[in-house]
Amino acid sequence: VKTCNFAAVIKLSTMESEQKKTKRSGRKGWIVASLAIVVAVVAVAIVAFSHLLKKNTAEPLSTLPADAVYVLQVNDNEVFMKSSVKCLPYLDEILSFNAMEGFEYFASQISAYLPQTGQIVISGYLNRSNQLKLMMSTRASEGAFNQLLQSLKINPKDCTTHRSVRIYKIATHHNAFYLCFHNGIFSAAESVKLLESSINVTATANSLANQAELKKLLGVVNKNNKHNWLMINHERFVKAELIFLK
């Protein structure tokens, strides 16, 4: 009987030991799984934050299509407008500046809701009909853009979308303009295709600012943010000039 009882005790002790091992193993499994979940959540949060930070810190040049004929970077808009009044007819002739009045109005409406709009970039592009069409890009807040829509009496629902970005149209005495807000940038253009291209290059990081030909020049331009800069894409500009001469 004693032998049998001893055997029973040993068997019971072994079962208890196995149960403890199973519990410890289960706890370790939960700990590993929990750590894996925490790491995954942190990784997703970092990626999301980086994406959000990138969107909130986008610069106008990073949203420009690479086939620009020219880029005018205005760091001081007031000085630029005062100094360019006398030569606006000439600028209009060679750079198709007749859209500037509309751009200036939009910029003034945005600045009414911001401490300072900062840098304004005007870029020119040849369309399929070989006409030079312009786009304005400047950093802004989404709230300021929504205020602009209200000021212009544009219905927020009256829009088209491209890559989930809303594009609005407004007719003026000059021409029709297209407006959108994406990646912390407010853009206005004479062509909806320009806005779509801007949205595309921002999504693919294939903008003008990433072109090797321009990077050396930007190294000089970015060192001086007090002056206004006109950057010419010589090959396309000459092509545009030849078209105008015809």
Protein backbone atom coordinates (compact mmCIF):
# COMPACT_ATOMS: atom_id res chain seq x y z
CA VAL A 1 0.00 0.00 0.00
CA LYS A 2 2.82 2.38 0.92
CA THR A 3 4.56 1.76 -2.38
CA CYS A 4 1.35 2.43 -4.22
CA ASN A 5 0.74 5.57 -2.21
CA PHE A 6 4.29 6.78 -2.87
CA ALA A 7 3.86 6.15 -6.56
CA ALA A 8 0.62 8.12 -6.48
CA VAL A 9 2.33 11.04 -4.72
CA ILE A 10 5.18 11.04 -7.24
CA LYS A 11 2.68 10.99 -10.12
CA LEU A 12 0.68 13.82 -8.57
CA SER A 13 3.82 15.89 -7.98
CA THR A 14 4.88 15.32 -11.57
CA MET A 15 1.48 16.47 -12.85
CA GLU A 16 1.65 19.60 -10.67
CA SER A 17 5.16 20.34 -11.99
CA GLU A 18 3.97 19.90 -15.56
CA GLN A 19 1.02 22.21 -14.91
CA LYS A 20 3.35 24.86 -13.49
CA LYS A 21 5.61 24.53 -16.53
CA THR A 22 2.60 24.85 -18.83
CA LYS A 23 1.44 27.96 -16.96
CA ARG A 24 4.94 29.49 -17.14
CA SER A 25 5.13 28.64 -20.82
CA GLY A 26 1.70 30.19 -21.35
CA ARG A 27 2.76 33.36 -19.51
CA LYS A 28 5.91 33.61 -21.63
CA GLY A 29 3.82 33.16 -24.76
CA TRP A 30 1.49 35.97 -23.71
CA ILE A 31 4.45 38.18 -22.83
CA VAL A 32 6.08 37.57 -26.24
CA ALA A 33 2.77 38.14 -28.03
CA SER A 34 2.14 41.34 -26.03
CA LEU A 35 5.63 42.65 -26.80
CA ALA A 36 5.13 41.87 -30.48
CA ILE A 37 1.83 43.80 -30.47
CA VAL A 38 3.44 46.74 -28.65
CA VAL A 39 6.34 46.83 -31.14
CA ALA A 40 3.91 46.65 -34.07
CA VAL A 41 1.76 49.48 -32.66
CA VAL A 42 4.84 51.66 -32.02
CA ALA A 43 6.11 50.99 -35.56
CA VAL A 44 2.76 51.92 -37.09
CA ALA A 45 2.62 55.06 -34.93
CA ILE A 46 6.13 56.11 -36.03
CA VAL A 47 5.27 55.59 -39.69
CA ALA A 48 1.98 57.47 -39.31
CA PHE A 49 3.68 60.33 -37.45
CA SER A 50 6.44 60.55 -40.06
CA HIS A 51 3.85 60.64 -42.82
CA LEU A 52 1.89 63.33 -40.98
CA LEU A 53 5.04 65.33 -40.29
CA LYS A 54 6.02 65.12 -43.95
CA LYS A 55 2.58 66.35 -44.97
CA ASN A 56 2.66 69.21 -42.49
CA THR A 57 6.17 70.31 -43.46
CA ALA A 58 5.93 70.02 -47.26
CA GLU A 59 7.58 72.86 -49.19
CA PRO A 60 6.10 74.36 -52.38
CA LEU A 61 9.05 73.21 -54.51
CA SER A 62 8.44 69.61 -53.46
CA THR A 63 4.98 69.71 -55.05
CA LEU A 64 6.04 71.03 -58.47
CA PRO A 65 6.02 68.78 -61.57
CA ALA A 66 9.49 68.34 -63.03
CA ASP A 67 8.69 69.74 -66.51
CA ALA A 68 8.45 73.40 -65.45
CA VAL A 69 9.50 76.04 -67.97
CA TYR A 70 10.39 78.40 -65.14
CA VAL A 71 9.95 78.81 -61.39
CA LEU A 72 9.60 82.15 -59.64
CA GLN A 73 10.25 81.85 -55.91
CA VAL A 74 8.87 84.89 -54.12
CA ASN A 75 10.23 85.18 -50.58
CA ASP A 76 9.03 88.75 -50.09
CA ASN A 77 5.78 89.27 -51.96
CA GLU A 78 5.33 92.94 -51.04
CA VAL A 79 8.79 93.87 -52.33
CA PHE A 80 8.28 91.78 -55.45
CA MET A 81 4.97 93.43 -56.37
CA LYS A 82 6.31 96.95 -55.78
CA SER A 83 9.50 96.37 -57.75
CA SER A 84 7.84 94.51 -60.64
CA VAL A 85 5.02 96.98 -61.42
CA LYS A 86 7.01 98.79 -64.09
CA CYS A 87 8.11 95.61 -65.83
CA LEU A 88 4.88 93.61 -65.52
CA PRO A 89 3.98 94.11 -69.22
CA TYR A 90 7.37 92.65 -70.18
CA LEU A 91 7.02 89.80 -67.67
CA ASP A 92 3.54 89.13 -68.96
CA GLU A 93 4.88 88.88 -72.48
CA ILE A 94 7.69 86.43 -71.76
CA LEU A 95 6.33 84.60 -68.71
CA SER A 96 2.56 84.74 -69.33
CA PHE A 97 1.99 86.67 -66.12
CA ASN A 98 -1.65 87.57 -66.81
CA ALA A 99 -2.74 85.11 -64.10
CA MET A 100 -0.82 87.00 -61.41
CA GLU A 101 -3.76 89.21 -60.47
CA GLY A 102 -5.83 86.15 -59.58
CA PHE A 103 -2.95 84.56 -57.70
CA GLU A 104 -2.33 87.73 -55.73
CA TYR A 105 -5.97 87.88 -54.71
CA PHE A 106 -5.99 84.27 -53.52
CA ALA A 107 -2.75 84.82 -51.59
CA SER A 108 -4.17 87.92 -49.91
CA GLN A 109 -7.25 85.98 -48.82
CA ILE A 110 -5.11 83.22 -47.35
CA SER A 111 -2.86 85.69 -45.53
CA ALA A 112 -5.91 87.21 -43.83
CA TYR A 113 -6.22 84.01 -41.78
CA LEU A 114 -2.51 83.33 -41.21
CA PRO A 115 0.23 85.28 -39.40
CA GLN A 116 2.37 84.96 -42.52
CA THR A 117 1.90 82.85 -45.65
CA GLY A 118 5.64 82.76 -46.31
CA GLN A 119 7.12 81.71 -49.58
CA ILE A 120 5.00 81.89 -52.76
CA VAL A 121 6.09 79.90 -55.80
CA ILE A 122 4.84 80.63 -59.32
CA SER A 123 5.64 77.98 -61.92
CA GLY A 124 4.94 77.90 -65.64
CA TYR A 125 4.25 74.84 -67.82
CA LEU A 126 3.51 74.18 -71.48
CA ASN A 127 0.25 72.33 -72.05
CA ARG A 128 -0.57 70.06 -74.99
CA SER A 129 -1.58 73.08 -77.05
CA ASN A 130 1.83 74.66 -76.37
CA GLN A 131 0.29 77.37 -74.21
CA LEU A 132 2.07 78.49 -71.05
CA LYS A 133 -0.11 77.85 -68.00
CA LEU A 134 0.78 78.95 -64.47
CA MET A 135 0.41 77.49 -61.01
CA MET A 136 0.83 79.15 -57.62
CA SER A 137 1.90 77.14 -54.56
CA THR A 138 2.27 78.32 -50.98
CA ARG A 139 2.22 76.78 -47.52
CA ALA A 140 -1.06 77.19 -45.68
CA SER A 141 -3.32 75.54 -43.15
CA GLU A 142 -6.39 73.54 -44.05
CA GLY A 143 -8.44 75.94 -41.93
CA ALA A 144 -7.18 78.90 -43.96
CA PHE A 145 -8.03 77.08 -47.19
CA ASN A 146 -11.56 76.40 -45.95
CA GLN A 147 -11.89 80.07 -45.06
CA LEU A 148 -10.79 80.92 -48.60
CA LEU A 149 -13.55 78.72 -50.02
CA GLN A 150 -16.04 80.60 -47.87
CA SER A 151 -14.67 83.97 -48.98
CA LEU A 152 -14.95 82.94 -52.62
CA LYS A 153 -18.45 81.52 -51.94
CA ILE A 154 -17.44 78.08 -53.22
CA ASN A 155 -19.60 75.18 -52.12
CA PRO A 156 -17.22 72.63 -50.45
CA LYS A 157 -19.27 69.83 -52.03
CA ASP A 158 -18.95 71.27 -55.52
CA CYS A 159 -15.65 69.69 -56.49
CA THR A 160 -13.89 66.90 -58.32
CA THR A 161 -11.32 64.61 -56.72
CA HIS A 162 -7.91 63.30 -57.70
CA ARG A 163 -6.13 60.81 -55.43
CA SER A 164 -8.72 61.73 -52.79
CA VAL A 165 -7.74 65.44 -53.01
CA ARG A 166 -10.62 67.84 -53.65
CA ILE A 167 -10.22 70.26 -56.55
CA TYR A 168 -12.45 73.34 -56.84
CA LYS A 169 -13.11 75.56 -59.84
CA ILE A 170 -13.79 79.30 -59.79
CA ALA A 171 -14.47 81.54 -62.79
CA THR A 172 -13.06 85.10 -62.74
CA HIS A 173 -13.04 87.98 -65.20
CA HIS A 174 -9.59 86.80 -66.27
CA ASN A 175 -10.05 83.08 -66.59
CA ALA A 176 -11.07 79.95 -64.74
CA PHE A 177 -8.85 78.93 -61.83
CA TYR A 178 -8.59 75.59 -60.07
CA LEU A 179 -7.83 75.38 -56.36
CA CYS A 180 -6.80 72.57 -54.03
CA PHE A 181 -5.14 71.88 -50.69
CA HIS A 182 -2.81 68.92 -50.27
CA ASN A 183 0.20 68.06 -48.10
CA GLY A 184 0.05 71.40 -46.31
CA ILE A 185 0.19 73.30 -49.61
CA PHE A 186 -2.45 75.54 -51.14
CA SER A 187 -2.23 75.55 -54.94
CA ALA A 188 -4.09 77.54 -57.56
CA ALA A 189 -3.64 76.91 -61.28
CA GLU A 190 -4.94 77.87 -64.69
CA SER A 191 -5.29 74.19 -65.56
CA VAL A 192 -6.79 71.30 -63.60
CA LYS A 193 -4.13 69.05 -65.17
CA LEU A 194 -1.43 71.05 -63.39
CA LEU A 195 -3.01 70.42 -60.01
CA GLU A 196 -3.38 66.73 -60.80
CA SER A 197 0.29 66.57 -61.80
CA SER A 198 1.27 68.35 -58.59
CA ILE A 199 -0.71 65.86 -56.52
CA ASN A 200 0.88 62.98 -58.46
CA VAL A 201 4.51 64.08 -58.02
CA THR A 202 3.98 64.74 -54.32
CA ALA A 203 2.71 61.18 -53.89
CA THR A 204 5.67 59.71 -55.81
CA ALA A 205 8.42 62.11 -54.61
CA ASN A 206 9.28 62.78 -58.26
CA SER A 207 9.05 66.55 -58.04
CA LEU A 208 11.14 69.27 -59.62
CA ALA A 209 13.06 69.71 -56.35
CA ASN A 210 14.36 66.14 -56.65
CA GLN A 211 15.82 66.64 -60.12
CA ALA A 212 19.63 66.53 -60.17
CA GLU A 213 19.83 69.52 -62.56
CA LEU A 214 18.07 71.76 -60.06
CA LYS A 215 19.61 70.58 -56.79
CA LYS A 216 22.87 72.51 -57.26
CA LEU A 217 20.93 75.69 -57.99
CA LEU A 218 18.67 75.15 -55.00
CA GLY A 219 21.75 74.90 -52.83
CA VAL A 220 22.45 78.53 -53.70
CA VAL A 221 18.83 79.73 -53.64
CA ASN A 222 18.05 78.24 -50.23
CA LYS A 223 20.95 80.11 -48.62
CA ASN A 224 19.21 83.40 -49.27
CA ASN A 225 15.52 83.56 -48.41
CA LYS A 226 15.34 87.36 -48.42
CA HIS A 227 15.55 87.77 -52.18
CA ASN A 228 13.17 86.64 -54.90
CA TRP A 229 14.49 84.12 -57.40
CA LEU A 230 13.62 83.34 -61.01
CA MET A 231 14.87 79.90 -62.10
CA ILE A 232 14.73 79.08 -65.81
CA ASN A 233 14.61 75.61 -67.32
CA HIS A 234 16.70 76.68 -70.32
CA GLU A 235 15.77 73.84 -72.66
CA ARG A 236 12.03 74.20 -72.16
CA PHE A 237 12.16 77.99 -71.94
CA VAL A 238 13.82 78.26 -75.35
CA LYS A 239 11.15 75.94 -76.71
CA ALA A 240 8.46 78.15 -75.23
CA GLU A 241 10.06 81.29 -76.65
CA LEU A 242 10.12 79.76 -80.13
CA ILE A 243 6.43 78.92 -79.79
CA PHE A 244 5.61 82.50 -78.80
CA LEU A 245 7.61 83.89 -81.74
CA LYS A 246 5.57 81.86 -84.20
